[in-house]
Protein backbone atom coordinates (compact mmCIF):
# COMPACT_ATOMS: atom_id res chain seq x y z
CA ALA A 1 165.49 293.70 151.42
CA LEU A 2 165.73 291.21 154.29
CA LEU A 3 168.24 288.97 152.52
CA ASN A 4 170.54 291.93 151.81
CA SER A 5 170.34 293.06 155.44
CA LEU A 6 171.17 289.56 156.67
CA ASP A 7 174.74 289.90 155.36
CA GLN A 8 175.42 292.80 157.73
CA PHE A 9 173.56 291.03 160.54
CA ASN A 10 175.72 287.94 160.03
CA TYR A 11 178.89 290.07 160.05
CA TYR A 12 177.86 291.57 163.41
CA PHE A 13 176.93 288.16 164.81
CA ASP A 14 180.29 286.69 163.74
CA ASN A 15 182.07 289.56 165.49
CA LEU A 16 180.16 288.86 168.70
CA ARG A 17 180.87 285.12 168.60
CA GLU A 18 184.58 285.71 167.94
CA ALA A 19 184.72 288.18 170.84
CA LYS A 20 183.06 285.61 173.11
CA SER A 21 185.66 283.03 172.12
CA LEU A 22 188.51 285.47 172.78
CA LEU A 23 186.97 286.38 176.13
CA ARG A 24 186.83 282.72 177.12
CA THR A 25 190.52 282.40 176.25
CA LEU A 26 191.32 285.46 178.34
CA VAL A 27 189.32 284.28 181.34
CA THR A 28 190.91 280.84 181.32
CA SER A 29 194.38 282.41 181.20
CA LEU A 30 193.89 284.78 184.12
CA PRO A 31 196.28 284.39 187.04
CA GLU A 32 195.05 283.54 190.51
CA LYS A 33 195.03 287.21 191.44
CA VAL A 34 193.93 290.09 189.25
CA SER A 35 193.34 293.69 190.21
CA LYS A 36 189.79 294.67 191.03
CA GLU A 37 189.93 297.36 188.32
CA TYR A 38 190.94 294.85 185.66
CA PHE A 39 188.38 292.33 186.85
CA ASP A 40 185.68 295.02 186.74
CA LYS A 41 186.62 295.78 183.13
CA ILE A 42 186.25 292.11 182.23
CA ILE A 43 182.89 291.86 183.98
CA ASP A 44 181.65 295.03 182.28
CA PHE A 45 182.67 293.79 178.84
CA ALA A 46 181.25 290.30 179.45
CA SER A 47 177.96 291.82 180.60
CA ARG A 48 177.65 294.05 177.53
CA LEU A 49 178.65 291.21 175.22
CA THR A 50 176.12 288.82 176.77
CA LYS A 51 173.39 291.44 176.64
CA THR A 52 174.05 292.03 172.94
CA LEU A 53 174.23 288.33 172.11
CA ASN A 54 170.91 287.75 173.87
CA VAL A 55 169.26 290.35 171.63
CA PHE A 56 170.73 288.63 168.57
CA TYR A 57 169.46 285.24 169.77
CA ASP A 58 166.01 286.71 170.31
CA VAL A 59 165.96 288.26 166.83
CA ILE A 60 167.13 284.99 165.28
CA GLY A 61 164.50 283.04 167.19
CA ASN A 62 161.73 285.31 165.95
CA LEU A 63 163.00 285.80 162.40
CA ASP A 64 160.25 285.70 159.77
CA LEU A 65 161.59 285.47 156.23
CA GLN A 66 158.31 286.89 154.96
CA SER A 67 158.79 290.12 156.94
CA GLY A 68 161.11 293.03 156.23
CA SER A 69 164.55 293.95 157.46
CA GLU A 70 163.13 296.11 160.26
CA GLN A 71 162.99 292.99 162.42
CA LEU A 72 166.82 293.10 162.54
CA THR A 73 166.83 296.62 164.00
CA PRO A 74 166.88 295.60 167.71
CA ALA A 75 170.04 293.54 167.13
CA GLU A 76 171.75 296.30 165.17
CA THR A 77 170.83 298.83 167.87
CA ALA A 78 172.18 296.55 170.61
CA PHE A 79 175.38 296.00 168.63
CA ASP A 80 175.94 299.75 168.32
CA SER A 81 174.92 300.77 171.83
CA ASN A 82 176.69 298.11 173.92
CA SER A 83 180.24 298.59 172.66
CA ALA A 84 182.64 301.06 174.22
CA ILE A 85 184.36 301.60 170.86
CA SER A 86 183.21 302.06 167.29
CA GLY A 87 184.25 300.78 163.90
CA ASP A 88 184.58 297.40 162.30
CA ASN A 89 185.07 294.37 164.54
CA ARG A 90 184.45 296.54 167.58
CA TYR A 91 183.77 293.71 170.03
CA THR A 92 186.87 291.73 169.08
CA LYS A 93 188.92 294.93 169.24
CA GLU A 94 187.59 295.63 172.71
CA VAL A 95 188.43 292.18 174.07
CA LYS A 96 191.86 292.35 172.39
CA ARG A 97 192.48 295.57 174.33
CA LEU A 98 191.68 293.69 177.53
CA ILE A 99 194.07 290.91 176.51
CA LYS A 100 196.79 293.47 175.74
CA GLU A 101 196.22 295.16 179.10
CA ASN A 102 196.58 291.78 180.81
CA HIS A 103 199.78 291.11 178.87
CA GLU A 104 201.23 294.55 179.68
CA ALA A 105 200.53 293.96 183.37
CA GLY A 106 202.70 290.86 183.16
CA ASP A 107 199.82 288.59 184.13
CA CYS A 108 199.32 286.97 180.75
CA PHE A 109 198.77 283.23 180.48
CA LYS A 110 199.46 282.16 184.03
CA PHE A 111 197.19 279.13 184.22
CA SER A 112 195.79 277.95 187.52
CA THR A 113 193.19 275.33 188.24
CA CYS A 114 193.39 275.35 192.02
CA SER A 115 191.00 277.50 194.04
CA ILE A 116 191.32 275.61 197.34
CA ARG A 117 193.93 278.03 198.70
CA PHE A 118 191.45 280.91 198.82
CA LYS A 119 190.17 281.65 202.28
CA TYR A 120 187.29 283.66 200.83
CA ALA A 121 186.38 283.58 197.19
CA PHE A 122 183.68 284.69 194.82
CA HIS A 123 182.47 282.23 192.25
CA VAL A 124 182.01 284.26 189.08
CA CYS A 125 180.71 283.09 185.72
CA ILE A 126 181.77 284.95 182.59
CA CYS A 127 180.40 283.75 179.27
CA SER A 128 179.72 280.29 180.71
CA LEU A 129 183.19 280.02 182.28
CA CYS A 130 183.42 279.97 186.04
CA ILE A 131 186.39 281.38 187.91
CA PHE A 132 187.19 282.06 191.54
CA ILE A 133 188.30 285.52 192.60
CA GLU A 134 190.15 285.91 195.88
CA ILE A 135 188.92 288.59 198.26
């Protein structure tokens, strides 16, 4: 039963890793200034994604091939409860909505590496990527 359940588990895990990659791309393409509302959406998604990935890592770390599929339940529960949408590929769909919102705002893919101009700035890390947000 465990081996059959691992296929679904792997599908979920792949969706999370792809969403993390897309989020990194989004974060690195953000312009120097983004609205607080948009930034809050990114932080919320990144937080839920990280929380879910951490549960998956914990389950993987404690996986016992001699035990049943019930040991995958915490990861499946986290996957279902930490997404704002439902359906297949829900985490990649959610980050793609954020990317689309960024594109529709006209802020898409304005690269900046300079943070020296900011008089006051927050140093924020999202999925292991650090950015500066002007206040």
